[in-house]
PDB file of N, CA and C in Angstrom:
ATOM      1  N   MET A   1       4.473  10.818 113.847  1.00  0.00           N
ATOM      2  CA  MET A   1       4.980  10.815 115.183  1.00  0.00           C
ATOM      3  C   MET A   1       3.947  11.536 116.051  1.00  0.00           C
ATOM      4  N   TYR A   2       3.711  11.014 117.231  1.00  0.00           N
ATOM      5  CA  TYR A   2       2.823  11.645 118.201  1.00  0.00           C
ATOM      6  C   TYR A   2       3.671  12.245 119.312  1.00  0.00           C
ATOM      7  N   TYR A   3       3.270  13.401 119.825  1.00  0.00           N
ATOM      8  CA  TYR A   3       4.006  13.996 120.932  1.00  0.00           C
ATOM      9  C   TYR A   3       3.100  14.923 121.722  1.00  0.00           C
ATOM     10  N   SER A   4       3.556  15.230 122.919  1.00  0.00           N
ATOM     11  CA  SER A   4       2.838  16.145 123.790  1.00  0.00           C
ATOM     12  C   SER A   4       3.854  16.832 124.685  1.00  0.00           C
ATOM     13  N   PRO A   5       3.836  18.166 124.752  1.00  0.00           N
ATOM     14  CA  PRO A   5       4.748  18.859 125.666  1.00  0.00           C
ATOM     15  C   PRO A   5       4.455  18.473 127.117  1.00  0.00           C
ATOM     16  N   LEU A   6       5.470  18.523 127.950  1.00  0.00           N
ATOM     17  CA  LEU A   6       5.298  18.149 129.357  1.00  0.00           C
ATOM     18  C   LEU A   6       4.283  19.021 130.080  1.00  0.00           C
ATOM     19  N   THR A   7       4.155  20.265 129.672  1.00  0.00           N
ATOM     20  CA  THR A   7       3.264  21.191 130.376  1.00  0.00           C
ATOM     21  C   THR A   7       1.933  21.390 129.663  1.00  0.00           C
ATOM     22  N   SER A   8       1.551  20.450 128.831  1.00  0.00           N
ATOM     23  CA  SER A   8       0.327  20.584 128.046  1.00  0.00           C
ATOM     24  C   SER A   8      -0.526  19.327 128.175  1.00  0.00           C
ATOM     25  N   ASP A   9      -1.821  19.490 128.013  1.00  0.00           N
ATOM     26  CA  ASP A   9      -2.737  18.349 127.996  1.00  0.00           C
ATOM     27  C   ASP A   9      -3.161  17.993 126.575  1.00  0.00           C
ATOM     28  N   TYR A  10      -2.468  18.522 125.573  1.00  0.00           N
ATOM     29  CA  TYR A  10      -2.836  18.292 124.177  1.00  0.00           C
ATOM     30  C   TYR A  10      -1.903  17.284 123.525  1.00  0.00           C
ATOM     31  N   LEU A  11      -2.464  16.511 122.617  1.00  0.00           N
ATOM     32  CA  LEU A  11      -1.712  15.527 121.841  1.00  0.00           C
ATOM     33  C   LEU A  11      -1.565  16.068 120.422  1.00  0.00           C
ATOM     34  N   TYR A  12      -0.352  15.990 119.881  1.00  0.00           N
ATOM     35  CA  TYR A  12      -0.054  16.480 118.544  1.00  0.00           C
ATOM     36  C   TYR A  12       0.548  15.353 117.716  1.00  0.00           C
ATOM     37  N   SER A  13       0.484  15.517 116.400  1.00  0.00           N
ATOM     38  CA  SER A  13       1.155  14.567 115.513  1.00  0.00           C
ATOM     39  C   SER A  13       1.730  15.304 114.319  1.00  0.00           C
ATOM     40  N   ILE A  14       2.712  14.661 113.696  1.00  0.00           N
ATOM     41  CA  ILE A  14       3.310  15.180 112.465  1.00  0.00           C
ATOM     42  C   ILE A  14       3.895  13.983 111.714  1.00  0.00           C
ATOM     43  N   GLU A  15       3.790  14.013 110.398  1.00  0.00           N
ATOM     44  CA  GLU A  15       4.431  12.983 109.585  1.00  0.00           C
ATOM     45  C   GLU A  15       5.937  13.214 109.645  1.00  0.00           C
ATOM     46  N   THR A  16       6.698  12.164 109.866  1.00  0.00           N
ATOM     47  CA  THR A  16       8.142  12.324 110.058  1.00  0.00           C
ATOM     48  C   THR A  16       8.874  12.809 108.811  1.00  0.00           C
ATOM     49  N   LYS A  17       8.260  12.690 107.649  1.00  0.00           N
ATOM     50  CA  LYS A  17       8.938  13.186 106.436  1.00  0.00           C
ATOM     51  C   LYS A  17       9.203  14.688 106.539  1.00  0.00           C
ATOM     52  N   TYR A  18       8.361  15.411 107.284  1.00  0.00           N
ATOM     53  CA  TYR A  18       8.571  16.847 107.451  1.00  0.00           C
ATOM     54  C   TYR A  18       9.712  17.137 108.413  1.00  0.00           C
ATOM     55  N   LEU A  19      10.018  16.217 109.297  1.00  0.00           N
ATOM     56  CA  LEU A  19      11.116  16.403 110.237  1.00  0.00           C
ATOM     57  C   LEU A  19      12.450  15.962 109.649  1.00  0.00           C
ATOM     58  N   ARG A  20      12.408  15.114 108.643  1.00  0.00           N
ATOM     59  CA  ARG A  20      13.645  14.621 108.018  1.00  0.00           C
ATOM     60  C   ARG A  20      14.194  15.578 106.968  1.00  0.00           C
ATOM     61  N   ALA A  21      13.406  16.547 106.529  1.00  0.00           N
ATOM     62  CA  ALA A  21      13.863  17.484 105.496  1.00  0.00           C
ATOM     63  C   ALA A  21      15.045  18.298 106.020  1.00  0.00           C
ATOM     64  N   ASN A  22      16.019  18.518 105.175  1.00  0.00           N
ATOM     65  CA  ASN A  22      17.234  19.244 105.548  1.00  0.00           C
ATOM     66  C   ASN A  22      17.075  20.727 105.209  1.00  0.00           C
ATOM     67  N   PRO A  23      17.077  21.610 106.228  1.00  0.00           N
ATOM     68  CA  PRO A  23      16.925  23.045 105.958  1.00  0.00           C
ATOM     69  C   PRO A  23      18.038  23.620 105.094  1.00  0.00           C
ATOM     70  N   SER A  24      19.197  22.962 105.067  1.00  0.00           N
ATOM     71  CA  SER A  24      20.290  23.445 104.212  1.00  0.00           C
ATOM     72  C   SER A  24      19.945  23.293 102.738  1.00  0.00           C
ATOM     73  N   ASN A  25      19.166  22.256 102.419  1.00  0.00           N
ATOM     74  CA  ASN A  25      18.790  21.993 101.033  1.00  0.00           C
ATOM     75  C   ASN A  25      17.399  22.529 100.694  1.00  0.00           C
ATOM     76  N   ASP A  26      16.600  22.792 101.710  1.00  0.00           N
ATOM     77  CA  ASP A  26      15.208  23.189 101.504  1.00  0.00           C
ATOM     78  C   ASP A  26      14.857  24.281 102.503  1.00  0.00           C
ATOM     79  N   THR A  27      14.914  25.525 102.045  1.00  0.00           N
ATOM     80  CA  THR A  27      14.715  26.654 102.960  1.00  0.00           C
ATOM     81  C   THR A  27      13.297  26.734 103.526  1.00  0.00           C
ATOM     82  N   LEU A  28      12.336  26.070 102.905  1.00  0.00           N
ATOM     83  CA  LEU A  28      10.961  26.100 103.405  1.00  0.00           C
ATOM     84  C   LEU A  28      10.613  24.883 104.264  1.00  0.00           C
ATOM     85  N   SER A  29      11.596  24.042 104.577  1.00  0.00           N
ATOM     86  CA  SER A  29      11.300  22.813 105.322  1.00  0.00           C
ATOM     87  C   SER A  29      10.748  23.101 106.715  1.00  0.00           C
ATOM     88  N   ALA A  30      11.254  24.108 107.403  1.00  0.00           N
ATOM     89  CA  ALA A  30      10.752  24.431 108.748  1.00  0.00           C
ATOM     90  C   ALA A  30       9.305  24.907 108.677  1.00  0.00           C
ATOM     91  N   LYS A  31       8.980  25.715 107.680  1.00  0.00           N
ATOM     92  CA  LYS A  31       7.600  26.184 107.527  1.00  0.00           C
ATOM     93  C   LYS A  31       6.668  25.020 107.207  1.00  0.00           C
ATOM     94  N   ARG A  32       7.103  24.114 106.323  1.00  0.00           N
ATOM     95  CA  ARG A  32       6.266  22.952 105.998  1.00  0.00           C
ATOM     96  C   ARG A  32       6.038  22.084 107.224  1.00  0.00           C
ATOM     97  N   ALA A  33       7.074  21.912 108.037  1.00  0.00           N
ATOM     98  CA  ALA A  33       6.920  21.120 109.271  1.00  0.00           C
ATOM     99  C   ALA A  33       5.915  21.803 110.192  1.00  0.00           C
ATOM    100  N   PHE A  34       6.068  23.103 110.403  1.00  0.00           N
ATOM    101  CA  PHE A  34       5.148  23.858 111.261  1.00  0.00           C
ATOM    102  C   PHE A  34       3.716  23.766 110.750  1.00  0.00           C
ATOM    103  N   ASP A  35       3.545  23.893 109.442  1.00  0.00           N
ATOM    104  CA  ASP A  35       2.200  23.879 108.847  1.00  0.00           C
ATOM    105  C   ASP A  35       1.543  22.495 108.888  1.00  0.00           C
ATOM    106  N   ASN A  36       2.305  21.447 109.119  1.00  0.00           N
ATOM    107  CA  ASN A  36       1.762  20.088 109.095  1.00  0.00           C
ATOM    108  C   ASN A  36       1.643  19.442 110.471  1.00  0.00           C
ATOM    109  N   VAL A  37       1.826  20.228 111.529  1.00  0.00           N
ATOM    110  CA  VAL A  37       1.568  19.733 112.877  1.00  0.00           C
ATOM    111  C   VAL A  37       0.056  19.692 113.067  1.00  0.00           C
ATOM    112  N   LYS A  38      -0.458  18.548 113.545  1.00  0.00           N
ATOM    113  CA  LYS A  38      -1.895  18.389 113.770  1.00  0.00           C
ATOM    114  C   LYS A  38      -2.173  18.365 115.268  1.00  0.00           C
ATOM    115  N   ASN A  39      -3.081  19.215 115.708  1.00  0.00           N
ATOM    116  CA  ASN A  39      -3.529  19.196 117.096  1.00  0.00           C
ATOM    117  C   ASN A  39      -4.656  18.173 117.169  1.00  0.00           C
ATOM    118  N   LEU A  40      -4.441  17.091 117.902  1.00  0.00           N
ATOM    119  CA  LEU A  40      -5.422  16.021 117.993  1.00  0.00           C
ATOM    120  C   LEU A  40      -6.373  16.204 119.176  1.00  0.00           C
ATOM    121  N   GLY A  41      -6.215  17.278 119.910  1.00  0.00           N
ATOM    122  CA  GLY A  41      -7.120  17.573 121.016  1.00  0.00           C
ATOM    123  C   GLY A  41      -6.531  17.227 122.368  1.00  0.00           C
ATOM    124  N   GLN A  42      -7.333  17.437 123.393  1.00  0.00           N
ATOM    125  CA  GLN A  42      -6.883  17.160 124.753  1.00  0.00           C
ATOM    126  C   GLN A  42      -6.780  15.664 124.990  1.00  0.00           C
ATOM    127  N   ARG A  43      -5.822  15.284 125.786  1.00  0.00           N
ATOM    128  CA  ARG A  43      -5.584  13.859 126.027  1.00  0.00           C
ATOM    129  C   ARG A  43      -6.140  13.390 127.357  1.00  0.00           C
ATOM    130  N   GLY A  44      -6.819  14.230 128.092  1.00  0.00           N
ATOM    131  CA  GLY A  44      -7.520  13.796 129.296  1.00  0.00           C
ATOM    132  C   GLY A  44      -6.720  13.862 130.574  1.00  0.00           C
ATOM    133  N   GLY A  45      -5.575  14.477 130.570  1.00  0.00           N
ATOM    134  CA  GLY A  45      -4.772  14.583 131.782  1.00  0.00           C
ATOM    135  C   GLY A  45      -3.301  14.588 131.468  1.00  0.00           C
ATOM    136  N   ASN A  46      -2.519  14.473 132.517  1.00  0.00           N
ATOM    137  CA  ASN A  46      -1.074  14.538 132.388  1.00  0.00           C
ATOM    138  C   ASN A  46      -0.519  13.147 132.117  1.00  0.00           C
ATOM    139  N   ALA A  47      -0.152  12.873 130.883  1.00  0.00           N
ATOM    140  CA  ALA A  47       0.358  11.546 130.506  1.00  0.00           C
ATOM    141  C   ALA A  47       1.808  11.399 130.941  1.00  0.00           C
ATOM    142  N   ASN A  48       2.174  10.162 131.254  1.00  0.00           N
ATOM    143  CA  ASN A  48       3.517   9.870 131.726  1.00  0.00           C
ATOM    144  C   ASN A  48       4.307   9.038 130.727  1.00  0.00           C
ATOM    145  N   GLY A  49       3.729   8.723 129.608  1.00  0.00           N
ATOM    146  CA  GLY A  49       4.424   7.956 128.592  1.00  0.00           C
ATOM    147  C   GLY A  49       3.471   7.557 127.475  1.00  0.00           C
ATOM    148  N   PHE A  50       4.041   7.286 126.312  1.00  0.00           N
ATOM    149  CA  PHE A  50       3.257   6.927 125.142  1.00  0.00           C
ATOM    150  C   PHE A  50       3.826   5.664 124.512  1.00  0.00           C
ATOM    151  N   SER A  51       2.955   4.918 123.885  1.00  0.00           N
ATOM    152  CA  SER A  51       3.353   3.792 123.051  1.00  0.00           C
ATOM    153  C   SER A  51       2.300   3.668 121.958  1.00  0.00           C
ATOM    154  N   SER A  52       2.612   2.974 120.897  1.00  0.00           N
ATOM    155  CA  SER A  52       1.636   2.811 119.819  1.00  0.00           C
ATOM    156  C   SER A  52       1.746   1.413 119.244  1.00  0.00           C
ATOM    157  N   ASP A  53       0.761   1.049 118.437  1.00  0.00           N
ATOM    158  CA  ASP A  53       0.791  -0.256 117.786  1.00  0.00           C
ATOM    159  C   ASP A  53       0.580  -0.092 116.290  1.00  0.00           C
ATOM    160  N   SER A  54       0.636  -1.186 115.569  1.00  0.00           N
ATOM    161  CA  SER A  54       0.529  -1.152 114.111  1.00  0.00           C
ATOM    162  C   SER A  54      -0.886  -0.845 113.625  1.00  0.00           C
ATOM    163  N   LEU A  55      -1.869  -0.819 114.529  1.00  0.00           N
ATOM    164  CA  LEU A  55      -3.250  -0.513 114.149  1.00  0.00           C
ATOM    165  C   LEU A  55      -3.569   0.974 114.252  1.00  0.00           C
ATOM    166  N   GLY A  56      -2.595   1.772 114.682  1.00  0.00           N
ATOM    167  CA  GLY A  56      -2.816   3.208 114.803  1.00  0.00           C
ATOM    168  C   GLY A  56      -3.272   3.656 116.174  1.00  0.00           C
ATOM    169  N   ASN A  57      -3.314   2.760 117.142  1.00  0.00           N
ATOM    170  CA  ASN A  57      -3.683   3.133 118.503  1.00  0.00           C
ATOM    171  C   ASN A  57      -2.488   3.751 119.214  1.00  0.00           C
ATOM    172  N   VAL A  58      -2.736   4.789 120.004  1.00  0.00           N
ATOM    173  CA  VAL A  58      -1.709   5.388 120.849  1.00  0.00           C
ATOM    174  C   VAL A  58      -2.139   5.157 122.288  1.00  0.00           C
ATOM    175  N   TYR A  59      -1.269   4.532 123.066  1.00  0.00           N
ATOM    176  CA  TYR A  59      -1.561   4.227 124.466  1.00  0.00           C
ATOM    177  C   TYR A  59      -0.847   5.257 125.339  1.00  0.00           C
ATOM    178  N   MET A  60      -1.582   5.840 126.290  1.00  0.00           N
ATOM    179  CA  MET A  60      -1.026   6.871 127.159  1.00  0.00           C
ATOM    180  C   MET A  60      -1.195   6.458 128.615  1.00  0.00           C
ATOM    181  N   LEU A  61      -0.090   6.423 129.353  1.00  0.00           N
ATOM    182  CA  LEU A  61      -0.135   6.111 130.771  1.00  0.00           C
ATOM    183  C   LEU A  61      -0.593   7.359 131.523  1.00  0.00           C
ATOM    184  N   MET A  62      -1.686   7.248 132.271  1.00  0.00           N
ATOM    185  CA  MET A  62      -2.262   8.374 133.008  1.00  0.00           C
ATOM    186  C   MET A  62      -2.206   8.078 134.504  1.00  0.00           C
ATOM    187  N   PRO A  63      -1.085   8.407 135.152  1.00  0.00           N
ATOM    188  CA  PRO A  63      -0.930   8.039 136.558  1.00  0.00           C
ATOM    189  C   PRO A  63      -1.922   8.720 137.494  1.00  0.00           C
ATOM    190  N   THR A  64      -2.363   9.928 137.172  1.00  0.00           N
ATOM    191  CA  THR A  64      -3.305  10.607 138.070  1.00  0.00           C
ATOM    192  C   THR A  64      -4.666   9.932 138.076  1.00  0.00           C
ATOM    193  N   GLN A  65      -5.011   9.194 137.036  1.00  0.00           N
ATOM    194  CA  GLN A  65      -6.265   8.450 136.969  1.00  0.00           C
ATOM    195  C   GLN A  65      -6.040   6.943 137.188  1.00  0.00           C
ATOM    196  N   ASN A  66      -4.775   6.549 137.391  1.00  0.00           N
ATOM    197  CA  ASN A  66      -4.430   5.137 137.536  1.00  0.00           C
ATOM    198  C   ASN A  66      -4.996   4.341 136.359  1.00  0.00           C
ATOM    199  N   ALA A  67      -4.713   4.841 135.147  1.00  0.00           N
ATOM    200  CA  ALA A  67      -5.335   4.257 133.954  1.00  0.00           C
ATOM    201  C   ALA A  67      -4.394   4.334 132.757  1.00  0.00           C
ATOM    202  N   ILE A  68      -4.753   3.599 131.731  1.00  0.00           N
ATOM    203  CA  ILE A  68      -4.121   3.707 130.417  1.00  0.00           C
ATOM    204  C   ILE A  68      -5.209   4.147 129.451  1.00  0.00           C
ATOM    205  N   TYR A  69      -5.010   5.293 128.811  1.00  0.00           N
ATOM    206  CA  TYR A  69      -5.956   5.788 127.821  1.00  0.00           C
ATOM    207  C   TYR A  69      -5.501   5.327 126.443  1.00  0.00           C
ATOM    208  N   ILE A  70      -6.455   5.121 125.571  1.00  0.00           N
ATOM    209  CA  ILE A  70      -6.158   4.732 124.196  1.00  0.00           C
ATOM    210  C   ILE A  70      -6.724   5.796 123.258  1.00  0.00           C
ATOM    211  N   TYR A  71      -5.870   6.303 122.373  1.00  0.00           N
ATOM    212  CA  TYR A  71      -6.307   7.252 121.355  1.00  0.00           C
ATOM    213  C   TYR A  71      -6.286   6.528 120.016  1.00  0.00           C
ATOM    214  N   LYS A  72      -7.377   6.612 119.301  1.00  0.00           N
ATOM    215  CA  LYS A  72      -7.434   6.083 117.935  1.00  0.00           C
ATOM    216  C   LYS A  72      -8.153   7.111 117.078  1.00  0.00           C
ATOM    217  N   PHE A  73      -7.487   7.526 116.020  1.00  0.00           N
ATOM    218  CA  PHE A  73      -8.082   8.491 115.104  1.00  0.00           C
ATOM    219  C   PHE A  73      -9.186   7.816 114.314  1.00  0.00           C
ATOM    220  N   VAL A  74     -10.362   8.413 114.369  1.00  0.00           N
ATOM    221  CA  VAL A  74     -11.514   7.927 113.593  1.00  0.00           C
ATOM    222  C   VAL A  74     -12.038   9.127 112.811  1.00  0.00           C
ATOM    223  N   PRO A  75     -11.885   9.145 111.504  1.00  0.00           N
ATOM    224  CA  PRO A  75     -12.358  10.295 110.728  1.00  0.00           C
ATOM    225  C   PRO A  75     -13.873  10.398 110.752  1.00  0.00           C
ATOM    226  N   PHE A  76     -14.332  11.623 110.718  1.00  0.00           N
ATOM    227  CA  PHE A  76     -15.783  11.852 110.620  1.00  0.00           C
ATOM    228  C   PHE A  76     -16.259  11.416 109.243  1.00  0.00           C
ATOM    229  N   PRO A  77     -17.468  10.889 109.162  1.00  0.00           N
ATOM    230  CA  PRO A  77     -17.985  10.548 107.829  1.00  0.00           C
ATOM    231  C   PRO A  77     -18.210  11.824 107.018  1.00  0.00           C
ATOM    232  N   PRO A  78     -18.118  11.729 105.705  1.00  0.00           N
ATOM    233  CA  PRO A  78     -18.344  12.930 104.896  1.00  0.00           C
ATOM    234  C   PRO A  78     -19.792  13.411 105.038  1.00  0.00           C
ATOM    235  N   PRO A  79     -19.998  14.716 104.904  1.00  0.00           N
ATOM    236  CA  PRO A  79     -21.367  15.221 105.033  1.00  0.00           C
ATOM    237  C   PRO A  79     -22.252  14.676 103.916  1.00  0.00           C
ATOM    238  N   PRO A  80     -23.537  14.503 104.188  1.00  0.00           N
ATOM    239  CA  PRO A  80     -24.442  14.008 103.133  1.00  0.00           C
ATOM    240  C   PRO A  80     -24.551  15.023 101.996  1.00  0.00           C
ATOM    241  N   LYS A  81     -24.793  14.510 100.812  1.00  0.00           N
ATOM    242  CA  LYS A  81     -24.909  15.402  99.643  1.00  0.00           C
ATOM    243  C   LYS A  81     -26.358  15.651  99.307  1.00  0.00           C
TER     244      LYS A  81
END
């Protein structure tokens, strides 16, 4: 799941399996959820909505720039050996 607080310019993600865990059955579920939030960096402005597709792209409506930004995670290549 991708999310961003209303008062922040940062984009975050978390695997939903960490949010589905029941704290009544798993006392460490809240800590695991907290530890697995990923800060994906600044999103370039104040977004007004998000959508995504099956290819992993996240589309963000940026009204202050009159634009739609696209976020796609691209891992860095491993360092040379």
